[in-house]
Amino acid sequence: YGITDFRGLLQAIEQLKASKEDETHRMELEEHERGPEEEEFNELIQYIQQRIEKVEPIELIKDIEDQIVRTEMDAVFECVIKINYPEIKLSWYKGTEKLESNSKYEISIDG
C-alpha cells in the first residue's frame, strides 16, 4: 500500500544519540580525572611545540664575506650566528668535507 514502517530506524537513531551522550559524559569525566603528571606532560609538549613553531634554530647575524689575499698569506673568514637552542652543535664544511682545526684551518668559537 506504499506505507513504510520507520519505527525500527527511529529506534536505531535514538540508540545512537544515547550512546553519543554517554561518550560525551565519559570524556568529561576523564578530563576531570587527569593527574598532575599528565598535566605536566601536556605543558611540556605545548612548550616544545611553541619553541619549534616560533623560533628558528639559528639566526645568521653576519654572513661570511669573500676575502682577497696574497699567496701564502692567511685569510680570516668571520661570521656571527645566534644559536637559539643550546643542544645545537655547529660544524664547518668546505664542499662535502668537514673542516676540523689543524695546521691548515683554525676554527674558533667565541661566546
N, C-alpha and C. Protein backbone atom coordinates (compact mmCIF):
# COMPACT_ATOMS: atom_id res chain seq x y z
N TYR A 1 0.81 -1.20 0.00
CA TYR A 1 0.00 0.00 0.00
C TYR A 1 0.85 1.27 0.00
N GLY A 2 2.17 1.13 -0.10
CA GLY A 2 3.04 2.29 -0.14
C GLY A 2 3.34 2.85 1.24
N ILE A 3 3.06 2.13 2.29
CA ILE A 3 3.32 2.60 3.65
C ILE A 3 4.62 1.95 4.14
N THR A 4 5.55 2.77 4.62
CA THR A 4 6.82 2.27 5.13
C THR A 4 6.87 2.44 6.63
N ASP A 5 7.33 1.41 7.32
CA ASP A 5 7.41 1.45 8.78
C ASP A 5 8.81 1.93 9.18
N PHE A 6 8.92 3.13 9.72
CA PHE A 6 10.19 3.73 10.11
C PHE A 6 10.47 3.58 11.61
N ARG A 7 9.66 2.81 12.33
CA ARG A 7 9.85 2.68 13.76
C ARG A 7 11.23 2.09 14.10
N GLY A 8 11.65 1.09 13.36
CA GLY A 8 12.97 0.47 13.61
C GLY A 8 14.10 1.46 13.38
N LEU A 9 13.99 2.26 12.33
CA LEU A 9 15.00 3.28 12.02
C LEU A 9 15.04 4.34 13.11
N LEU A 10 13.89 4.79 13.59
CA LEU A 10 13.84 5.78 14.66
C LEU A 10 14.44 5.24 15.95
N GLN A 11 14.20 3.97 16.25
CA GLN A 11 14.78 3.36 17.45
C GLN A 11 16.31 3.32 17.35
N ALA A 12 16.82 2.99 16.16
CA ALA A 12 18.28 2.94 15.97
C ALA A 12 18.89 4.34 16.14
N ILE A 13 18.22 5.36 15.63
CA ILE A 13 18.71 6.74 15.77
C ILE A 13 18.73 7.14 17.24
N GLU A 14 17.69 6.80 17.98
CA GLU A 14 17.64 7.11 19.41
C GLU A 14 18.77 6.41 20.17
N GLN A 15 19.07 5.17 19.81
CA GLN A 15 20.16 4.45 20.46
C GLN A 15 21.52 5.11 20.16
N LEU A 16 21.70 5.55 18.92
CA LEU A 16 22.93 6.25 18.56
C LEU A 16 23.08 7.54 19.36
N LYS A 17 22.00 8.30 19.49
CA LYS A 17 22.05 9.53 20.27
C LYS A 17 22.42 9.24 21.72
N ALA A 18 21.82 8.21 22.29
CA ALA A 18 22.10 7.86 23.69
C ALA A 18 23.56 7.44 23.86
N SER A 19 24.10 6.66 22.92
CA SER A 19 25.50 6.22 23.05
C SER A 19 26.45 7.41 22.90
N LYS A 20 26.14 8.37 22.03
CA LYS A 20 26.98 9.56 21.89
C LYS A 20 26.96 10.40 23.17
N GLU A 21 25.81 10.52 23.80
CA GLU A 21 25.72 11.26 25.05
C GLU A 21 26.56 10.58 26.13
N ASP A 22 26.51 9.25 26.19
CA ASP A 22 27.33 8.51 27.15
C ASP A 22 28.81 8.77 26.92
N GLU A 23 29.24 8.75 25.65
CA GLU A 23 30.65 9.01 25.33
C GLU A 23 31.05 10.42 25.76
N THR A 24 30.18 11.39 25.53
CA THR A 24 30.46 12.78 25.91
C THR A 24 30.64 12.88 27.42
N HIS A 25 29.77 12.23 28.17
CA HIS A 25 29.87 12.26 29.63
C HIS A 25 31.15 11.58 30.09
N ARG A 26 31.54 10.46 29.44
CA ARG A 26 32.77 9.78 29.80
C ARG A 26 33.98 10.67 29.54
N MET A 27 33.98 11.39 28.41
CA MET A 27 35.10 12.27 28.09
C MET A 27 35.22 13.38 29.12
N GLU A 28 34.08 13.92 29.55
CA GLU A 28 34.11 14.97 30.57
C GLU A 28 34.69 14.43 31.87
N LEU A 29 34.31 13.22 32.26
CA LEU A 29 34.83 12.61 33.47
C LEU A 29 36.33 12.37 33.36
N GLU A 30 36.78 11.88 32.20
CA GLU A 30 38.20 11.61 32.01
C GLU A 30 39.02 12.89 32.11
N GLU A 31 38.50 14.00 31.57
CA GLU A 31 39.21 15.28 31.65
C GLU A 31 39.37 15.73 33.10
N HIS A 32 38.35 15.49 33.92
CA HIS A 32 38.42 15.91 35.31
C HIS A 32 39.32 14.99 36.14
N GLU A 33 39.54 13.77 35.68
CA GLU A 33 40.31 12.79 36.44
C GLU A 33 41.80 12.85 36.14
N ARG A 34 42.28 13.77 35.32
CA ARG A 34 43.70 13.85 34.99
C ARG A 34 44.53 14.14 36.22
N GLY A 35 45.66 13.45 36.29
CA GLY A 35 46.56 13.66 37.41
C GLY A 35 47.56 14.75 37.11
N PRO A 36 48.33 15.18 38.10
CA PRO A 36 49.32 16.25 37.88
C PRO A 36 50.42 15.84 36.90
N GLU A 37 50.74 14.54 36.81
CA GLU A 37 51.77 14.10 35.88
C GLU A 37 51.34 14.33 34.44
N GLU A 38 50.08 14.03 34.14
CA GLU A 38 49.58 14.18 32.78
C GLU A 38 49.52 15.66 32.40
N GLU A 39 49.10 16.50 33.33
CA GLU A 39 49.05 17.93 33.04
C GLU A 39 50.46 18.49 32.83
N GLU A 40 51.41 18.01 33.62
CA GLU A 40 52.80 18.44 33.47
C GLU A 40 53.33 18.02 32.10
N PHE A 41 53.00 16.80 31.69
CA PHE A 41 53.43 16.29 30.39
C PHE A 41 52.82 17.13 29.27
N ASN A 42 51.53 17.47 29.37
CA ASN A 42 50.87 18.28 28.35
C ASN A 42 51.50 19.67 28.27
N GLU A 43 51.85 20.25 29.42
CA GLU A 43 52.51 21.56 29.42
C GLU A 43 53.86 21.49 28.75
N LEU A 44 54.60 20.41 28.98
CA LEU A 44 55.90 20.22 28.34
C LEU A 44 55.75 20.12 26.83
N ILE A 45 54.76 19.38 26.37
CA ILE A 45 54.52 19.24 24.93
C ILE A 45 54.17 20.60 24.32
N GLN A 46 53.33 21.38 24.99
CA GLN A 46 52.98 22.70 24.48
C GLN A 46 54.20 23.60 24.41
N TYR A 47 55.07 23.54 25.42
CA TYR A 47 56.29 24.34 25.45
C TYR A 47 57.19 23.98 24.27
N ILE A 48 57.36 22.69 24.02
CA ILE A 48 58.22 22.26 22.92
C ILE A 48 57.63 22.69 21.58
N GLN A 49 56.33 22.55 21.42
CA GLN A 49 55.69 22.96 20.17
C GLN A 49 55.85 24.46 19.93
N GLN A 50 55.74 25.27 20.97
CA GLN A 50 55.92 26.71 20.83
C GLN A 50 57.34 27.04 20.42
N ARG A 51 58.32 26.35 21.02
CA ARG A 51 59.72 26.58 20.65
C ARG A 51 59.95 26.26 19.18
N ILE A 52 59.39 25.15 18.73
CA ILE A 52 59.60 24.73 17.35
C ILE A 52 58.91 25.68 16.39
N GLU A 53 57.71 26.11 16.70
CA GLU A 53 56.93 26.94 15.78
C GLU A 53 57.42 28.38 15.72
N LYS A 54 57.88 28.94 16.81
CA LYS A 54 58.16 30.37 16.86
C LYS A 54 59.61 30.74 16.59
N VAL A 55 60.55 29.88 16.89
CA VAL A 55 61.94 30.27 16.85
C VAL A 55 62.71 29.40 15.87
N GLU A 56 63.46 30.06 14.99
CA GLU A 56 64.35 29.34 14.10
C GLU A 56 65.49 28.77 14.93
N PRO A 57 66.03 27.61 14.56
CA PRO A 57 67.13 27.03 15.35
C PRO A 57 68.35 27.94 15.42
N ILE A 58 68.69 28.57 14.29
CA ILE A 58 69.82 29.52 14.28
C ILE A 58 69.43 30.76 13.50
N GLU A 59 70.10 31.86 13.80
CA GLU A 59 69.91 33.09 13.04
C GLU A 59 71.28 33.56 12.56
N LEU A 60 71.39 33.85 11.29
CA LEU A 60 72.63 34.36 10.73
C LEU A 60 72.63 35.87 10.90
N ILE A 61 73.48 36.37 11.79
CA ILE A 61 73.55 37.80 12.07
C ILE A 61 74.48 38.48 11.05
N LYS A 62 75.66 37.92 10.83
CA LYS A 62 76.63 38.46 9.86
C LYS A 62 77.19 37.30 9.05
N ASP A 63 77.01 37.34 7.74
CA ASP A 63 77.44 36.26 6.86
C ASP A 63 78.93 36.35 6.56
N ILE A 64 79.52 35.25 6.12
CA ILE A 64 80.92 35.21 5.71
C ILE A 64 81.07 36.03 4.45
N GLU A 65 82.16 36.80 4.36
CA GLU A 65 82.43 37.63 3.19
C GLU A 65 83.63 37.07 2.43
N ASP A 66 83.66 37.31 1.12
CA ASP A 66 84.80 36.90 0.30
C ASP A 66 86.05 37.64 0.75
N GLN A 67 87.20 36.98 0.63
CA GLN A 67 88.48 37.58 1.01
C GLN A 67 89.43 37.53 -0.18
N ILE A 68 90.23 38.58 -0.33
CA ILE A 68 91.29 38.59 -1.33
C ILE A 68 92.60 38.71 -0.56
N VAL A 69 93.45 37.70 -0.70
CA VAL A 69 94.74 37.70 0.00
C VAL A 69 95.83 37.24 -0.97
N ARG A 70 97.06 37.58 -0.64
CA ARG A 70 98.20 37.14 -1.45
C ARG A 70 98.48 35.67 -1.17
N THR A 71 99.15 35.04 -2.10
CA THR A 71 99.53 33.64 -1.95
C THR A 71 100.37 33.47 -0.69
N GLU A 72 100.13 32.37 0.01
CA GLU A 72 100.83 32.01 1.24
C GLU A 72 100.47 32.90 2.43
N MET A 73 99.50 33.79 2.29
CA MET A 73 99.06 34.62 3.40
C MET A 73 97.77 34.00 3.98
N ASP A 74 97.49 34.36 5.21
CA ASP A 74 96.30 33.84 5.87
C ASP A 74 95.06 34.63 5.46
N ALA A 75 93.97 33.94 5.30
CA ALA A 75 92.66 34.56 5.09
C ALA A 75 91.82 34.28 6.32
N VAL A 76 91.14 35.30 6.82
CA VAL A 76 90.30 35.14 8.01
C VAL A 76 88.85 35.33 7.58
N PHE A 77 88.05 34.29 7.80
CA PHE A 77 86.63 34.34 7.50
C PHE A 77 85.88 34.38 8.82
N GLU A 78 85.03 35.38 8.95
CA GLU A 78 84.26 35.53 10.18
C GLU A 78 82.77 35.60 9.86
N CYS A 79 82.00 35.08 10.77
CA CYS A 79 80.56 35.25 10.68
C CYS A 79 80.00 35.27 12.09
N VAL A 80 78.79 35.78 12.23
CA VAL A 80 78.14 35.83 13.53
C VAL A 80 76.83 35.06 13.40
N ILE A 81 76.68 34.06 14.26
CA ILE A 81 75.49 33.22 14.26
C ILE A 81 74.92 33.18 15.67
N LYS A 82 73.62 33.37 15.77
CA LYS A 82 72.94 33.23 17.06
C LYS A 82 72.28 31.86 17.10
N ILE A 83 72.67 31.06 18.10
CA ILE A 83 72.11 29.72 18.26
C ILE A 83 71.01 29.80 19.32
N ASN A 84 69.80 29.46 18.92
CA ASN A 84 68.65 29.59 19.82
C ASN A 84 68.38 28.35 20.65
N TYR A 85 69.05 27.26 20.36
CA TYR A 85 68.89 26.02 21.11
C TYR A 85 70.27 25.56 21.55
N PRO A 86 70.50 25.43 22.85
CA PRO A 86 71.85 25.07 23.32
C PRO A 86 72.32 23.70 22.86
N GLU A 87 71.40 22.83 22.46
CA GLU A 87 71.80 21.48 22.05
C GLU A 87 72.37 21.43 20.63
N ILE A 88 72.30 22.54 19.89
CA ILE A 88 72.83 22.58 18.53
C ILE A 88 74.34 22.72 18.55
N LYS A 89 75.01 21.89 17.75
CA LYS A 89 76.46 21.95 17.58
C LYS A 89 76.74 22.30 16.12
N LEU A 90 77.56 23.33 15.89
CA LEU A 90 77.88 23.74 14.54
C LEU A 90 79.12 23.04 14.02
N SER A 91 79.12 22.76 12.72
CA SER A 91 80.29 22.22 12.03
C SER A 91 80.47 23.01 10.75
N TRP A 92 81.71 23.19 10.34
CA TRP A 92 82.03 23.91 9.11
C TRP A 92 82.44 22.92 8.03
N TYR A 93 82.01 23.19 6.80
CA TYR A 93 82.30 22.32 5.68
C TYR A 93 82.86 23.13 4.52
N LYS A 94 83.77 22.51 3.78
CA LYS A 94 84.24 23.04 2.50
C LYS A 94 83.77 22.03 1.48
N GLY A 95 82.72 22.36 0.75
CA GLY A 95 82.07 21.38 -0.11
C GLY A 95 81.42 20.32 0.77
N THR A 96 81.84 19.07 0.58
CA THR A 96 81.31 17.99 1.41
C THR A 96 82.29 17.56 2.49
N GLU A 97 83.45 18.20 2.54
CA GLU A 97 84.48 17.86 3.52
C GLU A 97 84.28 18.66 4.80
N LYS A 98 84.16 17.95 5.92
CA LYS A 98 84.02 18.62 7.20
C LYS A 98 85.37 19.18 7.61
N LEU A 99 85.40 20.46 8.00
CA LEU A 99 86.65 21.10 8.39
C LEU A 99 86.88 20.94 9.89
N GLU A 100 88.07 20.56 10.24
CA GLU A 100 88.49 20.45 11.64
C GLU A 100 89.69 21.38 11.82
N SER A 101 89.89 21.86 13.05
CA SER A 101 91.08 22.67 13.32
C SER A 101 92.32 21.80 13.12
N ASN A 102 93.26 22.29 12.29
CA ASN A 102 94.51 21.59 12.05
C ASN A 102 95.55 22.62 11.59
N SER A 103 96.63 22.17 10.98
CA SER A 103 97.68 23.11 10.56
C SER A 103 97.20 24.03 9.44
N LYS A 104 96.20 23.61 8.67
CA LYS A 104 95.70 24.43 7.56
C LYS A 104 94.53 25.31 7.98
N TYR A 105 93.66 24.81 8.84
CA TYR A 105 92.45 25.54 9.24
C TYR A 105 92.45 25.74 10.75
N GLU A 106 92.12 26.96 11.16
CA GLU A 106 91.93 27.23 12.58
C GLU A 106 90.48 27.66 12.75
N ILE A 107 89.72 26.87 13.47
CA ILE A 107 88.30 27.16 13.68
C ILE A 107 88.13 27.50 15.16
N SER A 108 87.52 28.66 15.41
CA SER A 108 87.32 29.05 16.80
C SER A 108 85.89 29.57 16.97
N ILE A 109 85.42 29.42 18.19
CA ILE A 109 84.08 29.88 18.54
C ILE A 109 84.21 30.83 19.73
N ASP A 110 83.67 32.02 19.58
CA ASP A 110 83.68 33.00 20.66
C ASP A 110 82.25 33.14 21.19
N GLY A 111 82.12 33.03 22.50
CA GLY A 111 80.81 33.24 23.11
C GLY A 111 80.04 32.02 23.38
